[in-house]
Amino acid sequence: MSETRKIRVDLDNHHVHLRQETVYRLFGDGYVLPQKKDLGGGEYVSTQTIAVQGPKGKIEGVRVIGPHRPFDQVELLASDAVKLGVSAPIAESGDLADACELTLVGPAGSATLRCGIIAARHVHIATKLLEELGLKNAQAVSITSGGPRSVTFHNVIVRENSDSDLSVIHMDFEEGNAAGVKTGDFLELEY
């Protein structure tokens, strides 16, 4: 029988990460994204949102995550891709090789970029726990939910969390809803 560990769930909605140049293009020269909620590790939810346009539709109010990043990335839900009329790959954050093209629209301008993905589910595991469990960064593990809709999520990528002692699985709302889990629930890590 495999060893298990309780991992807290954090469900993600669609959101966008922007390069500094894109922030300026969408919001104006010299603009700094204001902070609404601290996410830890230096990241925060901004008070700003943008619109995301595809060939067949548009989604308003997509939250911007700060601070700026070295790449532009829109993390979509699978249903968003259908609404927008795009084929977005399931990919790790920053892997934009096959990203779909989207138009980002802000109050000061727009940008059409190859930046759309559906984020692969992943688990951030604190460095100390990673070592204790004998796991490695980028290793795939399985995580199982409980309850009447219990499922096992396979191919969950491990990401080392050296910024805190927090261990958390990130998946999108659609995956969480399908499994009957919500932010704050705990799932079992299997390795």
Protein backbone atom coordinates (compact mmCIF):
# COMPACT_ATOMS: atom_id res chain seq x y z
CA MET A 1 0.00 0.00 0.00
CA SER A 2 1.37 3.41 -0.90
CA GLU A 3 2.04 6.10 1.67
CA THR A 4 -0.36 9.02 1.70
CA ARG A 5 -0.36 12.65 2.82
CA LYS A 6 -3.17 15.18 3.22
CA ILE A 7 -2.90 18.05 0.71
CA ARG A 8 -5.11 21.17 0.82
CA VAL A 9 -7.09 22.06 -2.31
CA ASP A 10 -6.93 25.49 -3.94
CA LEU A 11 -9.28 25.81 -6.93
CA ASP A 12 -8.33 28.29 -9.65
CA ASN A 13 -10.59 30.23 -11.98
CA HIS A 14 -9.43 31.59 -15.32
CA HIS A 15 -6.82 34.32 -14.90
CA VAL A 16 -3.97 36.05 -16.71
CA HIS A 17 -0.26 36.67 -16.07
CA LEU A 18 1.31 39.56 -18.00
CA ARG A 19 4.77 40.81 -18.97
CA GLN A 20 5.52 44.39 -17.89
CA GLU A 21 5.34 45.56 -21.53
CA THR A 22 1.86 44.04 -21.89
CA VAL A 23 0.69 45.67 -18.64
CA TYR A 24 1.73 49.03 -20.14
CA ARG A 25 0.02 48.24 -23.45
CA LEU A 26 -3.28 47.28 -21.78
CA PHE A 27 -3.34 49.78 -18.90
CA GLY A 28 -1.01 52.63 -19.95
CA ASP A 29 2.68 53.53 -19.71
CA GLY A 30 4.16 53.20 -16.23
CA TYR A 31 1.10 51.40 -14.84
CA VAL A 32 1.61 49.27 -11.72
CA LEU A 33 -0.93 46.53 -11.01
CA PRO A 34 -2.67 47.28 -7.69
CA GLN A 35 -2.91 44.49 -5.14
CA LYS A 36 -6.27 43.12 -3.94
CA LYS A 37 -5.26 39.86 -2.21
CA ASP A 38 -1.89 38.34 -1.32
CA LEU A 39 -1.37 34.81 -2.68
CA GLY A 40 2.01 34.21 -1.02
CA GLY A 41 5.37 33.72 -2.66
CA GLY A 42 5.26 37.31 -3.93
CA GLU A 43 2.15 36.76 -6.08
CA TYR A 44 -1.12 38.62 -5.63
CA VAL A 45 -4.57 39.00 -7.12
CA SER A 46 -4.82 42.43 -8.72
CA THR A 47 -7.89 44.64 -8.59
CA GLN A 48 -7.63 44.78 -12.40
CA THR A 49 -9.41 42.60 -14.94
CA ILE A 50 -9.24 42.40 -18.72
CA ALA A 51 -11.36 40.97 -21.53
CA VAL A 52 -10.13 37.94 -23.48
CA GLN A 53 -11.30 37.63 -27.09
CA GLY A 54 -11.22 34.53 -29.31
CA PRO A 55 -12.58 33.85 -32.81
CA LYS A 56 -16.07 32.94 -31.52
CA GLY A 57 -16.52 34.85 -28.29
CA LYS A 58 -15.30 37.10 -25.52
CA ILE A 59 -14.91 36.71 -21.76
CA GLU A 60 -15.07 39.88 -19.69
CA GLY A 61 -13.64 40.31 -16.21
CA VAL A 62 -10.66 37.93 -16.36
CA ARG A 63 -8.58 38.64 -13.25
CA VAL A 64 -4.95 39.74 -13.61
CA ILE A 65 -2.40 38.13 -11.27
CA GLY A 66 0.60 40.23 -10.27
CA PRO A 67 3.37 41.04 -10.28
CA HIS A 68 4.36 40.96 -13.94
CA ARG A 69 6.01 37.80 -15.31
CA PRO A 70 8.59 37.15 -18.02
CA PHE A 71 5.78 35.79 -20.26
CA ASP A 72 2.13 36.48 -21.10
CA GLN A 73 -0.19 33.62 -20.19
CA VAL A 74 -3.97 33.25 -20.03
CA GLU A 75 -5.03 30.22 -17.99
CA LEU A 76 -8.42 29.13 -19.32
CA LEU A 77 -11.03 26.63 -18.19
CA ALA A 78 -11.96 23.99 -20.79
CA SER A 79 -15.42 25.60 -21.15
CA ASP A 80 -13.72 28.99 -21.79
CA ALA A 81 -11.89 27.48 -24.77
CA VAL A 82 -15.22 26.32 -26.21
CA LYS A 83 -16.81 29.75 -25.67
CA LEU A 84 -13.83 31.52 -27.25
CA GLY A 85 -13.59 29.05 -30.14
CA VAL A 86 -9.97 28.07 -29.51
CA SER A 87 -8.06 24.85 -29.04
CA ALA A 88 -6.03 25.48 -25.88
CA PRO A 89 -3.48 22.85 -24.84
CA ILE A 90 -3.22 21.45 -21.32
CA ALA A 91 0.23 22.68 -20.35
CA GLU A 92 2.50 23.56 -17.45
CA SER A 93 2.71 27.22 -16.57
CA GLY A 94 5.24 28.90 -18.85
CA ASP A 95 5.05 26.19 -21.54
CA LEU A 96 3.55 28.27 -24.31
CA ALA A 97 4.95 26.34 -27.30
CA ASP A 98 1.45 25.26 -28.41
CA ALA A 99 -0.54 28.08 -26.79
CA CYS A 100 -3.57 29.35 -28.69
CA GLU A 101 -3.86 32.91 -29.96
CA LEU A 102 -6.05 35.31 -27.97
CA THR A 103 -6.66 39.04 -27.97
CA LEU A 104 -6.29 40.69 -24.57
CA VAL A 105 -8.26 43.91 -24.13
CA GLY A 106 -7.59 46.46 -21.40
CA PRO A 107 -8.76 50.03 -20.81
CA ALA A 108 -5.79 51.56 -22.68
CA GLY A 109 -5.24 49.10 -25.53
CA SER A 110 -5.14 45.51 -26.74
CA ALA A 111 -2.62 42.82 -27.66
CA THR A 112 -3.04 39.68 -29.77
CA LEU A 113 -0.71 36.97 -28.47
CA ARG A 114 -0.13 33.21 -28.47
CA CYS A 115 -0.74 32.88 -24.74
CA GLY A 116 -3.77 30.65 -24.03
CA ILE A 117 -3.46 27.36 -22.15
CA ILE A 118 -5.47 25.17 -19.82
CA ALA A 119 -3.17 24.86 -16.82
CA ALA A 120 -2.07 21.35 -15.90
CA ARG A 121 -3.02 20.46 -12.34
CA HIS A 122 -0.06 20.53 -10.00
CA VAL A 123 0.82 20.25 -6.34
CA HIS A 124 3.12 22.61 -4.48
CA ILE A 125 4.94 20.66 -1.76
CA ALA A 126 7.09 22.33 0.89
CA THR A 127 10.79 21.54 0.48
CA LYS A 128 11.03 19.83 3.89
CA LEU A 129 8.06 17.55 3.17
CA LEU A 130 9.34 16.84 -0.35
CA GLU A 131 12.60 15.56 1.13
CA GLU A 132 10.77 13.63 3.88
CA LEU A 133 8.59 11.84 1.32
CA GLY A 134 11.46 11.20 -1.09
CA LEU A 135 9.72 13.07 -3.91
CA LYS A 136 11.38 15.19 -6.57
CA ASN A 137 10.42 18.41 -8.31
CA ALA A 138 8.54 17.75 -11.61
CA GLN A 139 7.67 14.17 -10.56
CA ALA A 140 4.12 12.99 -11.34
CA VAL A 141 1.98 11.77 -8.43
CA SER A 142 -1.66 10.80 -7.90
CA ILE A 143 -4.06 12.57 -5.57
CA THR A 144 -7.41 11.10 -4.46
CA SER A 145 -10.51 12.89 -3.26
CA GLY A 146 -13.04 11.41 -0.84
CA GLY A 147 -16.80 11.57 -0.61
CA PRO A 148 -19.53 10.30 -2.90
CA ARG A 149 -17.79 11.59 -6.08
CA SER A 150 -14.34 10.28 -5.13
CA VAL A 151 -11.83 10.36 -7.98
CA THR A 152 -8.10 9.89 -8.35
CA PHE A 153 -6.26 12.59 -10.26
CA HIS A 154 -3.25 11.05 -12.01
CA ASN A 155 -0.29 12.89 -13.54
CA VAL A 156 -0.32 15.68 -10.95
CA ILE A 157 3.03 17.45 -11.32
CA VAL A 158 5.03 18.15 -8.15
CA ARG A 159 6.42 21.67 -7.76
CA GLU A 160 8.81 22.37 -4.91
CA ASN A 161 7.58 25.13 -2.60
CA SER A 162 10.68 26.67 -1.04
CA ASP A 163 8.82 29.85 -0.02
CA SER A 164 6.73 28.32 2.79
CA ASP A 165 5.74 25.15 4.63
CA LEU A 166 2.45 25.09 2.74
CA SER A 167 1.54 22.12 0.57
CA VAL A 168 -1.40 22.67 -1.78
CA ILE A 169 -2.85 21.17 -4.96
CA HIS A 170 -3.94 23.64 -7.65
CA MET A 171 -6.62 22.53 -10.08
CA ASP A 172 -9.27 24.48 -11.91
CA PHE A 173 -12.89 24.91 -10.82
CA GLU A 174 -14.18 22.51 -13.44
CA GLU A 175 -11.97 19.65 -12.21
CA GLY A 176 -12.84 20.43 -8.60
CA ASN A 177 -16.56 20.62 -9.27
CA ALA A 178 -16.51 17.32 -11.15
CA ALA A 179 -14.89 15.65 -8.12
CA GLY A 180 -17.12 17.42 -5.59
CA VAL A 181 -14.21 19.24 -3.92
CA LYS A 182 -13.79 22.89 -3.01
CA THR A 183 -11.03 25.21 -1.85
CA GLY A 184 -9.96 24.26 1.67
CA ASP A 185 -10.79 20.53 1.34
CA PHE A 186 -8.01 18.00 1.85
CA LEU A 187 -7.06 15.23 -0.58
CA GLU A 188 -4.75 12.23 -0.21
CA LEU A 189 -1.35 12.32 -1.92
CA GLU A 190 -0.29 8.92 -3.24
CA TYR A 191 3.23 8.20 -4.39
